[in-house]
Amino acid sequence: MDVNIDQNSWLNLTDLLQSGQYIFWDQTEYPEVPLTDDDVYIQLSAQQAKRIDLLAYDTYGDPVLFWIIMIANNIDYPAQMYEGMTIRLPSQDTIDSILKSNNT
């Protein structure tokens, strides 16, 4: 079975692997998000806890960057977030550096 994913597609999260008759996505390896003095700490509102994508949009201008917030706070699933939880929002410079190093 041939599966072709455009290299620029958002579906191209990582490599497709094949084992016998089974095809599956390999686990995505995300970069580390270092601590910096420019990071901001906030307590989540009820809306922010429910919609991490909107928090990413409000913070970085891109809802797809929710994964950076999750990695920075050791969160495995968005459902682990709750109202009143204090989380770290990495600085825009950190985000730019991560994205630049992953696009090279």
Protein backbone atom coordinates (compact mmCIF):
# COMPACT_ATOMS: atom_id res chain seq x y z
CA MET A 1 0.00 0.00 0.00
CA ASP A 2 1.49 3.32 -1.06
CA VAL A 3 0.71 6.38 1.03
CA ASN A 4 1.98 9.70 -0.25
CA ILE A 5 1.94 12.72 2.04
CA ASP A 6 3.15 16.06 0.71
CA GLN A 7 6.19 17.19 2.72
CA ASN A 8 4.47 20.54 3.35
CA SER A 9 1.21 19.01 4.55
CA TRP A 10 0.18 19.42 8.16
CA LEU A 11 -0.51 15.67 8.05
CA ASN A 12 3.20 15.01 7.63
CA LEU A 13 3.77 14.83 11.39
CA THR A 14 6.52 12.27 11.07
CA ASP A 15 7.25 9.12 9.09
CA LEU A 16 4.81 6.41 8.20
CA LEU A 17 6.13 3.02 9.22
CA GLN A 18 5.09 -0.35 7.87
CA SER A 19 5.30 -3.61 9.76
CA GLY A 20 3.94 -6.49 7.74
CA GLN A 21 0.44 -5.51 6.65
CA TYR A 22 0.16 -2.68 9.20
CA ILE A 23 0.95 0.96 8.45
CA PHE A 24 1.17 3.44 11.31
CA TRP A 25 2.61 6.81 12.25
CA ASP A 26 5.94 6.80 14.02
CA GLN A 27 6.03 8.71 17.29
CA THR A 28 6.70 12.40 16.79
CA GLU A 29 9.82 13.68 18.50
CA TYR A 30 9.30 17.21 19.79
CA PRO A 31 12.15 19.55 20.69
CA GLU A 32 12.86 20.65 24.22
CA VAL A 33 11.50 24.03 25.29
CA PRO A 34 14.21 25.66 27.43
CA LEU A 35 13.50 27.89 30.41
CA THR A 36 14.35 31.55 29.89
CA ASP A 37 14.05 34.70 31.98
CA ASP A 38 11.54 36.00 29.42
CA ASP A 39 9.01 33.22 30.05
CA VAL A 40 5.66 34.28 31.47
CA TYR A 41 3.68 32.38 34.10
CA ILE A 42 -0.11 32.59 34.17
CA GLN A 43 -3.00 31.01 35.99
CA LEU A 44 -5.42 29.48 33.55
CA SER A 45 -8.95 30.74 33.24
CA ALA A 46 -11.69 28.18 32.66
CA GLN A 47 -11.70 29.01 28.92
CA GLN A 48 -7.91 28.72 28.61
CA ALA A 49 -7.93 25.36 30.39
CA LYS A 50 -10.54 24.03 27.97
CA ARG A 51 -9.03 25.45 24.76
CA ILE A 52 -5.24 25.33 24.75
CA ASP A 53 -5.33 26.04 21.02
CA LEU A 54 -6.97 29.41 21.69
CA LEU A 55 -4.38 30.15 24.38
CA ALA A 56 -1.66 29.41 21.81
CA TYR A 57 -3.39 31.70 19.31
CA ASP A 58 -3.74 34.52 21.86
CA THR A 59 -0.11 34.11 22.96
CA TYR A 60 1.74 33.30 19.73
CA GLY A 61 -0.74 34.09 16.96
CA ASP A 62 -0.97 30.43 15.88
CA PRO A 63 -3.28 27.82 17.44
CA VAL A 64 -1.09 24.98 16.12
CA LEU A 65 1.62 25.97 18.60
CA PHE A 66 -0.38 24.50 21.49
CA TRP A 67 2.18 21.68 21.61
CA ILE A 68 4.86 24.13 22.78
CA ILE A 69 2.77 25.06 25.82
CA MET A 70 2.17 21.38 26.55
CA ILE A 71 5.87 20.47 26.32
CA ALA A 72 6.94 23.48 28.38
CA ASN A 73 4.60 22.36 31.17
CA ASN A 74 5.05 18.55 30.95
CA ILE A 75 1.41 18.12 29.95
CA ASP A 76 0.62 14.95 28.04
CA TYR A 77 -3.05 15.65 27.29
CA PRO A 78 -4.98 18.93 27.12
CA ALA A 79 -7.52 17.42 29.55
CA GLN A 80 -4.84 17.61 32.27
CA MET A 81 -5.19 21.39 32.33
CA TYR A 82 -7.60 22.96 34.78
CA GLU A 83 -8.84 26.37 35.86
CA GLY A 84 -6.40 28.03 38.26
CA MET A 85 -3.44 25.91 37.15
CA THR A 86 -0.21 27.91 36.83
CA ILE A 87 1.61 27.28 33.58
CA ARG A 88 4.69 28.62 31.82
CA LEU A 89 4.35 30.37 28.47
CA PRO A 90 7.73 30.39 26.70
CA SER A 91 8.83 33.69 25.21
CA GLN A 92 8.28 34.51 21.55
CA ASP A 93 12.06 34.51 21.05
CA THR A 94 12.20 30.92 22.35
CA ILE A 95 9.37 29.90 20.04
CA ASP A 96 11.05 31.55 17.05
CA SER A 97 14.32 29.77 17.85
CA ILE A 98 12.61 26.37 18.16
CA LEU A 99 10.69 26.81 14.92
CA LYS A 100 13.76 28.05 13.06
CA SER A 101 15.91 25.10 14.21
CA ASN A 102 13.18 22.61 13.22
CA ASN A 103 12.78 24.08 9.73
CA THR A 104 16.44 23.76 8.79
